[in-house]
Structures are given as C-alpha cells and as structure tokens.
C-alpha cells in the first residue's frame, strides 16, 4: 500500500473509531487497514509530524479531522498529508 493511501486509510479509521466513541490502538488500526503494526506506527508518526494526529492519544487533531472528513466525502482534490 502506498504511503499516502495508508495515511488516508489511517485517518479515516481514526475518524470512524471516534464517531463510534471507541478507543483506538495501533493493533486495531493495523487490522482495519491491512498493514503491519510497524508500518502503521510509522504512518502515525508521520501524521503526527504533519499535525494531523496526536500520536500520544491516537486522536485526530482538528486539521486531521478536516482531512478525514474531506477524503471521506470523496473529494477529488489532492491534499498534502505529510511533509
């Protein structure tokens, strides 16, 4: 899975978990997106550096929420996810 695709999948899964008021963990995210634990951990770190995820709490930041919602809505505009 490409890095950007995985980033979007992780953001969307974090959004779904938050909407269902479930506490996320790296294992459940990895299983949901079909990636290895280490790959998901690296992705979460990249999203944290980009300001889209609070990696210590495994929660979306406000910009991360905006990106997750925009991507969920099927936006065709490409958004930069990580620097």
N, C-alpha and C. Protein backbone atom coordinates (compact mmCIF):
# COMPACT_ATOMS: atom_id res chain seq x y z
N UNK A 1 0.85 -1.17 0.00
CA UNK A 1 0.00 0.00 0.00
C UNK A 1 0.90 1.24 0.00
N UNK A 2 0.57 2.20 -0.83
CA UNK A 2 1.34 3.43 -0.90
C UNK A 2 1.21 4.22 0.40
N UNK A 3 2.22 5.01 0.69
CA UNK A 3 2.25 5.80 1.92
C UNK A 3 1.04 6.73 2.04
N UNK A 4 0.74 7.47 0.98
CA UNK A 4 -0.39 8.41 1.02
C UNK A 4 -1.71 7.67 1.19
N UNK A 5 -1.84 6.52 0.54
CA UNK A 5 -3.06 5.72 0.66
C UNK A 5 -3.22 5.22 2.08
N UNK A 6 -2.13 4.77 2.68
CA UNK A 6 -2.17 4.30 4.05
C UNK A 6 -2.49 5.43 5.01
N UNK A 7 -1.93 6.61 4.76
CA UNK A 7 -2.22 7.76 5.61
C UNK A 7 -3.71 8.08 5.60
N UNK A 8 -4.30 8.08 4.43
CA UNK A 8 -5.73 8.36 4.32
C UNK A 8 -6.54 7.28 5.02
N UNK A 9 -6.17 6.02 4.84
CA UNK A 9 -6.89 4.91 5.49
C UNK A 9 -6.81 5.03 7.01
N UNK A 10 -5.64 5.39 7.53
CA UNK A 10 -5.48 5.55 8.98
C UNK A 10 -6.32 6.72 9.48
N UNK A 11 -6.29 7.83 8.77
CA UNK A 11 -7.11 8.99 9.17
C UNK A 11 -8.59 8.62 9.17
N UNK A 12 -9.03 7.94 8.14
CA UNK A 12 -10.44 7.58 8.05
C UNK A 12 -10.83 6.58 9.15
N UNK A 13 -9.94 5.65 9.46
CA UNK A 13 -10.27 4.69 10.51
C UNK A 13 -10.30 5.38 11.88
N UNK A 14 -9.39 6.28 12.13
CA UNK A 14 -9.43 7.04 13.38
C UNK A 14 -10.73 7.85 13.48
N UNK A 15 -11.18 8.40 12.35
CA UNK A 15 -12.44 9.13 12.32
C UNK A 15 -13.62 8.20 12.67
N UNK A 16 -13.63 7.01 12.06
CA UNK A 16 -14.71 6.06 12.32
C UNK A 16 -14.72 5.63 13.79
N UNK A 17 -13.55 5.39 14.35
CA UNK A 17 -13.49 5.00 15.76
C UNK A 17 -13.97 6.12 16.66
N UNK A 18 -13.60 7.35 16.35
CA UNK A 18 -14.05 8.48 17.15
C UNK A 18 -15.56 8.65 17.06
N UNK A 19 -16.10 8.48 15.86
CA UNK A 19 -17.55 8.60 15.68
C UNK A 19 -18.30 7.53 16.45
N UNK A 20 -17.68 6.36 16.62
CA UNK A 20 -18.29 5.26 17.36
C UNK A 20 -17.91 5.29 18.84
N UNK A 21 -17.20 6.35 19.24
CA UNK A 21 -16.70 6.53 20.61
C UNK A 21 -15.92 5.31 21.11
N UNK A 22 -15.10 4.75 20.24
CA UNK A 22 -14.24 3.63 20.60
C UNK A 22 -12.81 4.12 20.73
N UNK A 23 -12.08 3.57 21.67
CA UNK A 23 -10.67 3.94 21.86
C UNK A 23 -9.81 3.15 20.88
N UNK A 24 -9.04 3.86 20.09
CA UNK A 24 -8.18 3.17 19.11
C UNK A 24 -6.90 2.63 19.74
N UNK A 25 -6.33 1.64 19.09
CA UNK A 25 -4.98 1.20 19.41
C UNK A 25 -4.32 0.81 18.08
N UNK A 26 -3.02 0.74 18.10
CA UNK A 26 -2.29 0.51 16.85
C UNK A 26 -2.67 -0.83 16.23
N UNK A 27 -2.89 -1.84 17.06
CA UNK A 27 -3.25 -3.16 16.53
C UNK A 27 -4.59 -3.12 15.78
N UNK A 28 -5.60 -2.49 16.35
CA UNK A 28 -6.91 -2.47 15.68
C UNK A 28 -6.84 -1.64 14.40
N UNK A 29 -6.03 -0.58 14.41
CA UNK A 29 -5.87 0.22 13.19
C UNK A 29 -5.18 -0.62 12.12
N UNK A 30 -4.12 -1.32 12.50
CA UNK A 30 -3.38 -2.16 11.55
C UNK A 30 -4.29 -3.22 10.94
N UNK A 31 -5.08 -3.86 11.76
CA UNK A 31 -6.00 -4.88 11.25
C UNK A 31 -7.04 -4.28 10.32
N UNK A 32 -7.55 -3.11 10.67
CA UNK A 32 -8.59 -2.48 9.86
C UNK A 32 -8.08 -2.02 8.50
N UNK A 33 -6.84 -1.54 8.45
CA UNK A 33 -6.32 -1.03 7.19
C UNK A 33 -5.49 -2.06 6.44
N UNK A 34 -5.23 -3.20 7.06
CA UNK A 34 -4.50 -4.27 6.40
C UNK A 34 -3.01 -4.00 6.25
N UNK A 35 -2.43 -3.44 7.30
CA UNK A 35 -0.99 -3.15 7.26
C UNK A 35 -0.31 -3.70 8.51
N UNK A 36 1.02 -3.78 8.45
CA UNK A 36 1.78 -4.28 9.60
C UNK A 36 1.79 -3.23 10.72
N UNK A 37 1.97 -3.71 11.95
CA UNK A 37 2.00 -2.81 13.10
C UNK A 37 3.07 -1.73 12.95
N UNK A 38 4.26 -2.14 12.55
CA UNK A 38 5.36 -1.18 12.42
C UNK A 38 5.06 -0.13 11.35
N UNK A 39 4.43 -0.55 10.28
CA UNK A 39 4.09 0.38 9.20
C UNK A 39 3.04 1.38 9.68
N UNK A 40 2.06 0.91 10.43
CA UNK A 40 1.04 1.80 10.96
C UNK A 40 1.65 2.76 11.99
N UNK A 41 2.56 2.26 12.82
CA UNK A 41 3.23 3.12 13.79
C UNK A 41 4.02 4.22 13.09
N UNK A 42 4.72 3.85 12.02
CA UNK A 42 5.47 4.85 11.24
C UNK A 42 4.52 5.87 10.60
N UNK A 43 3.40 5.38 10.11
CA UNK A 43 2.41 6.27 9.50
C UNK A 43 1.83 7.23 10.53
N UNK A 44 1.53 6.72 11.71
CA UNK A 44 1.02 7.59 12.78
C UNK A 44 2.05 8.65 13.15
N UNK A 45 3.30 8.28 13.17
CA UNK A 45 4.37 9.25 13.46
C UNK A 45 4.42 10.34 12.40
N UNK A 46 4.32 9.94 11.13
CA UNK A 46 4.34 10.91 10.04
C UNK A 46 3.13 11.84 10.11
N UNK A 47 1.98 11.27 10.43
CA UNK A 47 0.77 12.09 10.57
C UNK A 47 0.87 13.03 11.77
N UNK A 48 1.54 12.58 12.81
CA UNK A 48 1.76 13.42 13.99
C UNK A 48 2.65 14.61 13.63
N UNK A 49 3.73 14.34 12.92
CA UNK A 49 4.65 15.41 12.49
C UNK A 49 3.91 16.41 11.59
N UNK A 50 3.01 15.90 10.76
CA UNK A 50 2.23 16.76 9.87
C UNK A 50 1.13 17.52 10.60
N UNK A 51 0.90 17.20 11.88
CA UNK A 51 -0.11 17.90 12.65
C UNK A 51 -1.52 17.38 12.46
N UNK A 52 -1.66 16.18 11.89
CA UNK A 52 -2.98 15.63 11.62
C UNK A 52 -3.46 14.65 12.68
N UNK A 53 -2.53 14.12 13.47
CA UNK A 53 -2.86 13.14 14.51
C UNK A 53 -2.07 13.47 15.77
N UNK A 54 -2.70 13.31 16.91
CA UNK A 54 -1.98 13.34 18.18
C UNK A 54 -1.59 11.89 18.45
N UNK A 55 -0.34 11.56 18.19
CA UNK A 55 0.10 10.17 18.27
C UNK A 55 0.13 9.65 19.70
N UNK A 56 0.26 10.52 20.68
CA UNK A 56 0.28 10.05 22.07
C UNK A 56 -1.10 9.60 22.53
N UNK A 57 -2.13 10.19 21.97
CA UNK A 57 -3.51 9.83 22.34
C UNK A 57 -4.23 9.06 21.24
N UNK A 58 -3.58 8.91 20.09
CA UNK A 58 -4.21 8.27 18.92
C UNK A 58 -5.55 8.92 18.60
N UNK A 59 -5.50 10.23 18.47
CA UNK A 59 -6.70 11.01 18.13
C UNK A 59 -6.38 11.95 16.99
N UNK A 60 -7.40 12.24 16.21
CA UNK A 60 -7.26 13.22 15.15
C UNK A 60 -7.16 14.61 15.76
N UNK A 61 -6.31 15.44 15.17
CA UNK A 61 -6.32 16.85 15.51
C UNK A 61 -7.43 17.49 14.67
N UNK A 62 -7.69 18.76 14.90
CA UNK A 62 -8.73 19.43 14.11
C UNK A 62 -8.39 19.42 12.61
N UNK A 63 -7.13 19.73 12.22
CA UNK A 63 -6.81 19.60 10.79
C UNK A 63 -6.94 18.16 10.29
N UNK A 64 -6.58 17.19 11.13
CA UNK A 64 -6.73 15.78 10.75
C UNK A 64 -8.18 15.40 10.55
N UNK A 65 -9.03 15.92 11.40
CA UNK A 65 -10.47 15.68 11.25
C UNK A 65 -10.97 16.25 9.94
N UNK A 66 -10.53 17.45 9.62
CA UNK A 66 -10.95 18.09 8.37
C UNK A 66 -10.52 17.26 7.16
N UNK A 67 -9.28 16.77 7.18
CA UNK A 67 -8.79 15.95 6.06
C UNK A 67 -9.57 14.64 5.99
N UNK A 68 -9.80 13.99 7.13
CA UNK A 68 -10.53 12.72 7.14
C UNK A 68 -11.94 12.89 6.58
N UNK A 69 -12.61 13.97 6.98
CA UNK A 69 -13.97 14.21 6.50
C UNK A 69 -13.95 14.53 5.01
N UNK A 70 -12.99 15.34 4.59
CA UNK A 70 -12.90 15.70 3.16
C UNK A 70 -12.64 14.47 2.30
N UNK A 71 -11.74 13.60 2.75
CA UNK A 71 -11.43 12.41 1.98
C UNK A 71 -12.59 11.42 2.02
N UNK A 72 -13.30 11.39 3.11
CA UNK A 72 -14.46 10.50 3.24
C UNK A 72 -15.58 10.94 2.30
N UNK A 73 -15.68 12.23 2.11
CA UNK A 73 -16.74 12.77 1.25
C UNK A 73 -16.44 12.55 -0.22
N UNK A 74 -15.30 11.97 -0.52
CA UNK A 74 -14.97 11.67 -1.91
C UNK A 74 -14.38 12.85 -2.65
N UNK A 75 -13.77 13.76 -1.91
CA UNK A 75 -13.15 14.91 -2.53
C UNK A 75 -12.08 14.44 -3.52
N UNK A 76 -12.08 15.01 -4.70
CA UNK A 76 -11.10 14.62 -5.70
C UNK A 76 -9.87 15.52 -5.65
N UNK A 77 -9.93 16.57 -4.88
CA UNK A 77 -8.78 17.47 -4.75
C UNK A 77 -7.70 16.79 -3.91
N UNK A 78 -6.47 16.80 -4.41
CA UNK A 78 -5.36 16.18 -3.69
C UNK A 78 -4.92 17.08 -2.56
N UNK A 79 -4.82 16.48 -1.37
CA UNK A 79 -4.40 17.23 -0.19
C UNK A 79 -3.04 16.72 0.28
N UNK A 80 -2.13 17.62 0.61
CA UNK A 80 -0.85 17.15 1.14
C UNK A 80 -1.04 16.62 2.54
N UNK A 81 -0.57 15.39 2.81
CA UNK A 81 -0.80 14.78 4.11
C UNK A 81 0.42 14.81 5.00
N UNK A 82 1.59 14.76 4.43
CA UNK A 82 2.78 14.76 5.26
C UNK A 82 3.91 15.50 4.53
N UNK A 83 4.70 16.15 5.34
CA UNK A 83 5.81 16.90 4.75
C UNK A 83 6.96 15.99 4.44
